[in-house]
Amino acid sequence: MAYDRTLLSPDALQTFLAKHPAWTHEGGMIRRVYEAPSFLEGIAFVEKVARAAEAANHHPDIDIRWRKVTLALVTHDANGITFRDTDLATEADRLFDEGAGDR
């Protein structure tokens, strides 16, 4: 399956980061740490992200440390950040806000 590998322009990336201040750009990826109210709610959030990622065929690096879940996104086959990363980041934020993040 072919995907658009067009990298985000620096301006587009800065616009995303301005609208999503919890996300950072580091190491060539966009990254966010979420803190869930409990370990199990963090795991439930990871499952929701995993399902969204699978549906989009775009999988983040996920690190789980007790209640903290870190997502790191980059489009590896484009060697940088594309709309696929910012789309999944936006979806992860929505999933967190509707679940673990609103408690």
Protein backbone atom coordinates (compact mmCIF):
# COMPACT_ATOMS: atom_id res chain seq x y z
CA MET A 1 0.00 0.00 0.00
CA ALA A 2 1.46 3.35 -1.04
CA TYR A 3 1.31 6.30 1.32
CA ASP A 4 1.98 9.98 0.92
CA ARG A 5 5.53 10.47 2.19
CA THR A 6 5.47 14.26 1.93
CA LEU A 7 7.18 15.71 4.98
CA LEU A 8 5.47 18.48 6.89
CA SER A 9 6.98 21.86 6.27
CA PRO A 10 8.63 23.51 9.27
CA ASP A 11 5.74 26.02 9.33
CA ALA A 12 3.12 23.25 9.31
CA LEU A 13 4.92 21.46 12.13
CA GLN A 14 5.10 24.67 14.18
CA THR A 15 1.39 25.28 13.57
CA PHE A 16 0.60 21.77 14.85
CA LEU A 17 2.79 22.25 17.92
CA ALA A 18 1.21 25.64 18.67
CA LYS A 19 -2.25 24.07 18.58
CA HIS A 20 -1.10 21.03 20.60
CA PRO A 21 1.28 22.42 23.24
CA ALA A 22 1.57 19.10 25.10
CA TRP A 23 3.40 17.68 22.06
CA THR A 24 7.10 18.37 21.54
CA HIS A 25 9.43 17.96 18.61
CA GLU A 26 12.58 16.13 19.62
CA GLY A 27 14.87 13.60 18.02
CA GLY A 28 13.10 13.95 14.68
CA MET A 29 9.79 12.83 16.19
CA ILE A 30 6.77 14.36 17.82
CA ARG A 31 6.36 13.16 21.38
CA ARG A 32 3.85 13.48 24.21
CA VAL A 33 3.65 12.10 27.73
CA TYR A 34 0.14 11.38 29.01
CA GLU A 35 -0.51 10.79 32.70
CA ALA A 36 -3.51 8.59 33.44
CA PRO A 37 -5.31 8.49 36.79
CA SER A 38 -4.28 4.86 37.27
CA PHE A 39 -2.10 2.21 35.69
CA LEU A 40 -5.10 0.32 34.31
CA GLU A 41 -6.56 3.47 32.76
CA GLY A 42 -3.21 4.09 31.12
CA ILE A 43 -3.27 0.57 29.70
CA ALA A 44 -6.85 1.11 28.46
CA PHE A 45 -5.67 4.29 26.72
CA VAL A 46 -2.81 2.38 25.09
CA GLU A 47 -5.29 -0.18 23.78
CA LYS A 48 -7.42 2.60 22.23
CA VAL A 49 -4.35 4.15 20.61
CA ALA A 50 -3.26 0.74 19.35
CA ARG A 51 -6.63 0.20 17.68
CA ALA A 52 -6.54 3.67 16.06
CA ALA A 53 -2.96 3.09 14.94
CA GLU A 54 -3.79 -0.29 13.46
CA ALA A 55 -6.76 1.19 11.58
CA ALA A 56 -4.46 3.89 10.17
CA ASN A 57 -1.62 1.40 9.58
CA HIS A 58 0.64 3.87 11.38
CA HIS A 59 2.13 2.71 14.64
CA PRO A 60 3.70 4.91 17.32
CA ASP A 61 6.49 4.01 19.66
CA ILE A 62 4.79 3.52 23.03
CA ASP A 63 6.50 3.59 26.41
CA ILE A 64 4.51 2.73 29.54
CA ARG A 65 5.84 3.74 32.96
CA TRP A 66 3.21 3.14 35.64
CA ARG A 67 0.60 5.87 34.94
CA LYS A 68 2.67 7.66 32.30
CA VAL A 69 2.31 6.72 28.65
CA THR A 70 4.67 8.27 26.12
CA LEU A 71 3.84 8.27 22.42
CA ALA A 72 6.50 9.08 19.83
CA LEU A 73 5.52 9.47 16.19
CA VAL A 74 7.53 9.63 12.98
CA THR A 75 6.87 8.31 9.50
CA HIS A 76 9.85 6.01 9.14
CA ASP A 77 9.47 5.38 5.42
CA ALA A 78 9.46 9.16 4.84
CA ASN A 79 12.38 9.76 7.22
CA GLY A 80 10.47 12.47 9.05
CA ILE A 81 7.16 13.83 10.22
CA THR A 82 4.15 13.72 7.91
CA PHE A 83 0.44 14.41 8.24
CA ARG A 84 0.05 10.77 9.30
CA ASP A 85 1.92 11.57 12.51
CA THR A 86 -0.04 14.69 13.34
CA ASP A 87 -3.33 12.96 12.48
CA LEU A 88 -2.58 10.08 14.86
CA ALA A 89 -1.37 12.52 17.53
CA THR A 90 -4.64 14.44 17.26
CA GLU A 91 -6.61 11.20 17.50
CA ALA A 92 -4.60 10.09 20.56
CA ASP A 93 -5.39 13.42 22.24
CA ARG A 94 -9.09 12.92 21.51
CA LEU A 95 -9.02 9.38 22.87
CA PHE A 96 -7.26 10.51 26.05
CA ASP A 97 -9.68 13.40 26.55
CA GLU A 98 -12.70 11.11 26.20
CA GLY A 99 -11.24 8.46 28.49
CA ALA A 100 -8.50 8.67 31.05
CA GLY A 101 -7.90 12.38 30.65
CA ASP A 102 -11.32 13.58 31.77
CA ARG A 103 -11.29 12.04 35.24
